[in-house]
Amino acid sequence: MADNCLFCKIAAGEIPAQIVYQDELVVAFNDIDPQAPVHVLIIPRKHIAGMNDVVAEDSCILMRIHQVAIDLARQLNVAESGYRLVNNCNDDGGQAVPHLHYHFLAGRKMTWPPG
């Protein structure tokens, strides 16, 4: 856990969030500024600053994040209609919190290009 990391504190239960899923590797919670009718953030419990900081030993975490996204899609009844799973990396990529996280967006037609 990084000392001043917002998402580490949420994962540790030190800051409240609307948790929709958690296990030993990941935590998923509703975004406080949703950009779609369904907007869930999926984060690893392990502090990884961003996509560029992922190492081979983190492969099980990445796989788990993707499995959680699939499970959420089914539970939220958006698997068939569709959803978007987004990772933003660093400033130009739109990453606002320096902790690896994925945006699970659903509940409306997504447009392209996204940004």
Protein backbone atom coordinates (compact mmCIF):
# COMPACT_ATOMS: atom_id res chain seq x y z
CA MET A 1 0.00 0.00 0.00
CA ALA A 2 1.31 3.44 -0.94
CA ASP A 3 0.99 5.91 1.93
CA ASN A 4 -1.02 8.65 0.24
CA CYS A 5 -2.76 6.66 -2.49
CA LEU A 6 -6.51 7.23 -2.62
CA PHE A 7 -7.22 3.84 -4.19
CA CYS A 8 -4.97 1.97 -1.75
CA LYS A 9 -6.98 3.56 1.06
CA ILE A 10 -10.27 2.52 -0.56
CA ALA A 11 -8.97 -1.05 -1.02
CA ALA A 12 -7.92 -1.12 2.65
CA GLY A 13 -11.33 0.12 3.80
CA GLU A 14 -9.91 3.38 5.15
CA ILE A 15 -11.99 5.51 2.78
CA PRO A 16 -15.61 4.57 2.14
CA ALA A 17 -16.74 3.58 -1.34
CA GLN A 18 -19.69 1.73 -2.84
CA ILE A 19 -17.93 -1.62 -3.19
CA VAL A 20 -19.57 -3.92 -5.74
CA TYR A 21 -16.95 -6.68 -5.62
CA GLN A 22 -13.79 -7.56 -3.72
CA ASP A 23 -11.46 -10.48 -3.27
CA GLU A 24 -7.83 -10.98 -2.29
CA LEU A 25 -6.52 -9.44 -5.53
CA VAL A 26 -8.97 -6.76 -6.66
CA VAL A 27 -11.63 -4.34 -5.51
CA ALA A 28 -14.42 -2.92 -7.68
CA PHE A 29 -16.47 0.10 -6.69
CA ASN A 30 -18.84 2.63 -8.24
CA ASP A 31 -17.16 5.73 -9.66
CA ILE A 32 -18.10 8.92 -7.80
CA ASP A 33 -18.32 10.84 -11.11
CA PRO A 34 -20.00 8.32 -13.44
CA GLN A 35 -19.60 8.80 -17.18
CA ALA A 36 -22.21 6.17 -18.04
CA PRO A 37 -25.25 4.66 -16.31
CA VAL A 38 -22.90 1.91 -15.10
CA HIS A 39 -19.40 3.11 -14.19
CA VAL A 40 -17.35 0.85 -11.95
CA LEU A 41 -13.65 1.16 -11.21
CA ILE A 42 -11.72 -2.10 -10.91
CA ILE A 43 -8.39 -1.80 -9.09
CA PRO A 44 -5.73 -4.17 -7.84
CA ARG A 45 -5.20 -4.27 -4.07
CA LYS A 46 -1.48 -4.17 -4.79
CA HIS A 47 -0.25 -0.66 -5.48
CA ILE A 48 0.80 -0.47 -9.12
CA ALA A 49 1.16 3.15 -10.22
CA GLY A 50 0.03 2.57 -13.80
CA MET A 51 0.12 0.30 -16.81
CA ASN A 52 3.82 1.05 -17.42
CA ASP A 53 4.60 -0.35 -13.96
CA VAL A 54 3.03 -3.77 -14.52
CA VAL A 55 5.57 -6.61 -14.31
CA ALA A 56 5.34 -10.28 -15.24
CA GLU A 57 4.47 -11.23 -11.65
CA ASP A 58 1.31 -9.10 -11.98
CA SER A 59 -0.17 -11.23 -14.75
CA CYS A 60 -2.56 -12.99 -12.36
CA ILE A 61 -3.83 -9.59 -11.20
CA LEU A 62 -4.52 -8.45 -14.76
CA MET A 63 -6.25 -11.70 -15.56
CA ARG A 64 -8.39 -11.33 -12.43
CA ILE A 65 -9.35 -7.75 -13.35
CA HIS A 66 -10.60 -8.97 -16.71
CA GLN A 67 -12.50 -11.87 -15.15
CA VAL A 68 -14.15 -9.49 -12.68
CA ALA A 69 -15.20 -7.28 -15.60
CA ILE A 70 -16.81 -10.27 -17.34
CA ASP A 71 -18.56 -11.31 -14.12
CA LEU A 72 -19.82 -7.76 -13.52
CA ALA A 73 -21.15 -7.59 -17.08
CA ARG A 74 -23.16 -10.74 -16.51
CA GLN A 75 -24.40 -9.67 -13.06
CA LEU A 76 -25.41 -6.23 -14.33
CA ASN A 77 -27.10 -7.69 -17.42
CA VAL A 78 -24.90 -5.82 -19.90
CA ALA A 79 -22.81 -8.72 -21.21
CA GLU A 80 -24.96 -9.11 -24.32
CA SER A 81 -25.65 -5.43 -25.03
CA GLY A 82 -22.00 -4.53 -24.48
CA TYR A 83 -19.63 -2.64 -22.25
CA ARG A 84 -16.27 -0.91 -22.36
CA LEU A 85 -13.21 -1.64 -20.22
CA VAL A 86 -10.73 1.25 -20.28
CA ASN A 87 -7.30 1.82 -18.77
CA ASN A 88 -5.82 5.32 -18.92
CA CYS A 89 -2.03 5.58 -18.63
CA ASN A 90 -0.28 8.73 -17.39
CA ASP A 91 -1.28 12.36 -17.94
CA ASP A 92 -1.84 12.42 -21.70
CA GLY A 93 -3.75 9.16 -21.44
CA GLY A 94 -6.14 10.72 -18.91
CA GLN A 95 -5.00 8.88 -15.78
CA ALA A 96 -6.13 10.99 -12.81
CA VAL A 97 -5.17 8.68 -9.91
CA PRO A 98 -1.68 7.12 -9.93
CA HIS A 99 -2.91 3.60 -9.12
CA LEU A 100 -3.65 1.13 -11.91
CA HIS A 101 -7.39 1.06 -12.52
CA TYR A 102 -9.88 0.12 -15.18
CA HIS A 103 -13.14 1.87 -15.95
CA PHE A 104 -16.01 -0.53 -16.57
CA LEU A 105 -18.59 1.48 -18.53
CA ALA A 106 -21.99 0.26 -19.67
CA GLY A 107 -25.68 1.04 -19.87
CA ARG A 108 -25.56 3.23 -22.97
CA LYS A 109 -24.23 3.15 -26.54
CA MET A 110 -20.52 4.00 -26.45
CA THR A 111 -19.18 6.37 -29.09
CA TRP A 112 -15.92 6.33 -31.03
CA PRO A 113 -13.45 7.88 -30.86
CA PRO A 114 -13.66 7.92 -27.07
CA GLY A 115 -11.67 11.06 -26.27
